[in-house]
Amino acid sequence: MEIMQEVRDFAAMENAPVQTFVSVEDAEAGMAEMSERLRERGGDVYLPAAE
């Protein structure tokens, strides 16, 4: 099942060396990019479902 694979992947990452994690700068840049995308769409977290 997909959820079990996600749990395995997460557990493997928890035991991974620190070098495999995202740097603080990369994480902040990614969050800034996503914030800008949210503002471009009007700032609404919940959008109406496509019909």
N, C-alpha and C. Protein backbone atom coordinates (compact mmCIF):
# COMPACT_ATOMS: atom_id res chain seq x y z
N MET A 1 0.84 -1.18 0.00
CA MET A 1 0.00 0.00 0.00
C MET A 1 0.89 1.24 0.00
N GLU A 2 0.34 2.29 -0.57
CA GLU A 2 1.11 3.53 -0.69
C GLU A 2 1.48 4.12 0.67
N ILE A 3 0.57 4.10 1.61
CA ILE A 3 0.86 4.68 2.93
C ILE A 3 2.00 3.93 3.62
N MET A 4 2.04 2.62 3.46
CA MET A 4 3.13 1.85 4.07
C MET A 4 4.47 2.22 3.46
N GLN A 5 4.48 2.44 2.14
CA GLN A 5 5.74 2.84 1.49
C GLN A 5 6.16 4.22 1.98
N GLU A 6 5.21 5.12 2.17
CA GLU A 6 5.53 6.45 2.68
C GLU A 6 6.12 6.37 4.08
N VAL A 7 5.57 5.49 4.91
CA VAL A 7 6.10 5.30 6.26
C VAL A 7 7.52 4.74 6.19
N ARG A 8 7.75 3.78 5.32
CA ARG A 8 9.09 3.22 5.17
C ARG A 8 10.08 4.27 4.69
N ASP A 9 9.66 5.07 3.71
CA ASP A 9 10.53 6.13 3.19
C ASP A 9 10.86 7.14 4.28
N PHE A 10 9.85 7.51 5.06
CA PHE A 10 10.08 8.47 6.15
C PHE A 10 11.04 7.89 7.18
N ALA A 11 10.84 6.65 7.54
CA ALA A 11 11.72 6.01 8.53
C ALA A 11 13.15 5.92 8.00
N ALA A 12 13.30 5.62 6.73
CA ALA A 12 14.64 5.56 6.14
C ALA A 12 15.29 6.93 6.16
N MET A 13 14.49 7.96 5.90
CA MET A 13 15.03 9.32 5.89
C MET A 13 15.43 9.76 7.30
N GLU A 14 14.71 9.31 8.30
CA GLU A 14 15.03 9.66 9.68
C GLU A 14 16.41 9.13 10.07
N ASN A 15 16.82 8.04 9.46
CA ASN A 15 18.11 7.44 9.75
C ASN A 15 19.18 7.83 8.73
N ALA A 16 18.83 8.73 7.82
CA ALA A 16 19.76 9.15 6.77
C ALA A 16 20.75 10.17 7.32
N PRO A 17 21.91 10.29 6.68
CA PRO A 17 22.87 11.30 7.11
C PRO A 17 22.32 12.71 6.90
N VAL A 18 22.79 13.63 7.65
CA VAL A 18 22.30 15.01 7.61
C VAL A 18 22.47 15.63 6.22
N GLN A 19 23.48 15.22 5.48
CA GLN A 19 23.75 15.79 4.17
C GLN A 19 22.62 15.56 3.17
N THR A 20 21.75 14.60 3.42
CA THR A 20 20.67 14.32 2.48
C THR A 20 19.45 15.22 2.70
N PHE A 21 19.43 15.97 3.79
CA PHE A 21 18.30 16.84 4.06
C PHE A 21 18.42 18.15 3.28
N VAL A 22 17.31 18.84 3.12
CA VAL A 22 17.28 20.12 2.43
C VAL A 22 17.91 21.18 3.33
N SER A 23 18.69 22.07 2.73
CA SER A 23 19.30 23.13 3.52
C SER A 23 18.24 24.14 3.95
N VAL A 24 18.55 24.88 4.98
CA VAL A 24 17.62 25.90 5.48
C VAL A 24 17.33 26.92 4.38
N GLU A 25 18.35 27.31 3.65
CA GLU A 25 18.18 28.30 2.58
C GLU A 25 17.25 27.77 1.49
N ASP A 26 17.43 26.52 1.10
CA ASP A 26 16.56 25.92 0.08
C ASP A 26 15.12 25.81 0.57
N ALA A 27 14.95 25.43 1.83
CA ALA A 27 13.61 25.31 2.40
C ALA A 27 12.92 26.67 2.44
N GLU A 28 13.64 27.71 2.87
CA GLU A 28 13.06 29.05 2.92
C GLU A 28 12.73 29.56 1.53
N ALA A 29 13.59 29.28 0.55
CA ALA A 29 13.32 29.69 -0.83
C ALA A 29 12.07 28.99 -1.36
N GLY A 30 11.93 27.71 -1.06
CA GLY A 30 10.75 26.97 -1.49
C GLY A 30 9.47 27.49 -0.85
N MET A 31 9.55 27.83 0.44
CA MET A 31 8.37 28.37 1.13
C MET A 31 8.01 29.74 0.57
N ALA A 32 9.01 30.56 0.24
CA ALA A 32 8.74 31.87 -0.34
C ALA A 32 8.07 31.73 -1.70
N GLU A 33 8.54 30.76 -2.50
CA GLU A 33 7.94 30.52 -3.80
C GLU A 33 6.49 30.08 -3.67
N MET A 34 6.22 29.17 -2.76
CA MET A 34 4.84 28.70 -2.57
C MET A 34 3.95 29.81 -2.03
N SER A 35 4.50 30.68 -1.18
CA SER A 35 3.72 31.81 -0.66
C SER A 35 3.33 32.74 -1.80
N GLU A 36 4.25 32.98 -2.72
CA GLU A 36 3.96 33.83 -3.87
C GLU A 36 2.88 33.19 -4.74
N ARG A 37 2.95 31.90 -4.96
CA ARG A 37 1.93 31.21 -5.75
C ARG A 37 0.56 31.33 -5.08
N LEU A 38 0.53 31.23 -3.77
CA LEU A 38 -0.73 31.36 -3.04
C LEU A 38 -1.29 32.77 -3.21
N ARG A 39 -0.43 33.78 -3.10
CA ARG A 39 -0.90 35.17 -3.27
C ARG A 39 -1.42 35.39 -4.69
N GLU A 40 -0.75 34.80 -5.69
CA GLU A 40 -1.20 34.94 -7.08
C GLU A 40 -2.59 34.37 -7.29
N ARG A 41 -2.95 33.38 -6.51
CA ARG A 41 -4.27 32.74 -6.65
C ARG A 41 -5.31 33.36 -5.73
N GLY A 42 -4.98 34.49 -5.14
CA GLY A 42 -5.94 35.20 -4.31
C GLY A 42 -5.81 34.94 -2.84
N GLY A 43 -4.88 34.11 -2.42
CA GLY A 43 -4.64 33.88 -1.00
C GLY A 43 -5.60 32.91 -0.35
N ASP A 44 -6.47 32.29 -1.12
CA ASP A 44 -7.41 31.33 -0.54
C ASP A 44 -6.76 29.95 -0.43
N VAL A 45 -6.80 29.39 0.76
CA VAL A 45 -6.24 28.06 0.96
C VAL A 45 -7.15 27.01 0.35
N TYR A 46 -8.43 27.18 0.53
CA TYR A 46 -9.41 26.22 0.00
C TYR A 46 -10.02 26.78 -1.26
N LEU A 47 -9.87 26.08 -2.36
CA LEU A 47 -10.43 26.48 -3.63
C LEU A 47 -11.65 25.61 -3.94
N PRO A 48 -12.59 26.14 -4.71
CA PRO A 48 -13.75 25.32 -5.06
C PRO A 48 -13.33 24.11 -5.89
N ALA A 49 -14.04 23.03 -5.72
CA ALA A 49 -13.74 21.80 -6.46
C ALA A 49 -14.07 21.99 -7.92
N ALA A 50 -13.26 21.43 -8.79
CA ALA A 50 -13.52 21.48 -10.22
C ALA A 50 -14.70 20.58 -10.55
N GLU A 51 -15.55 21.05 -11.39
CA GLU A 51 -16.73 20.25 -11.75
C GLU A 51 -16.62 19.70 -13.11
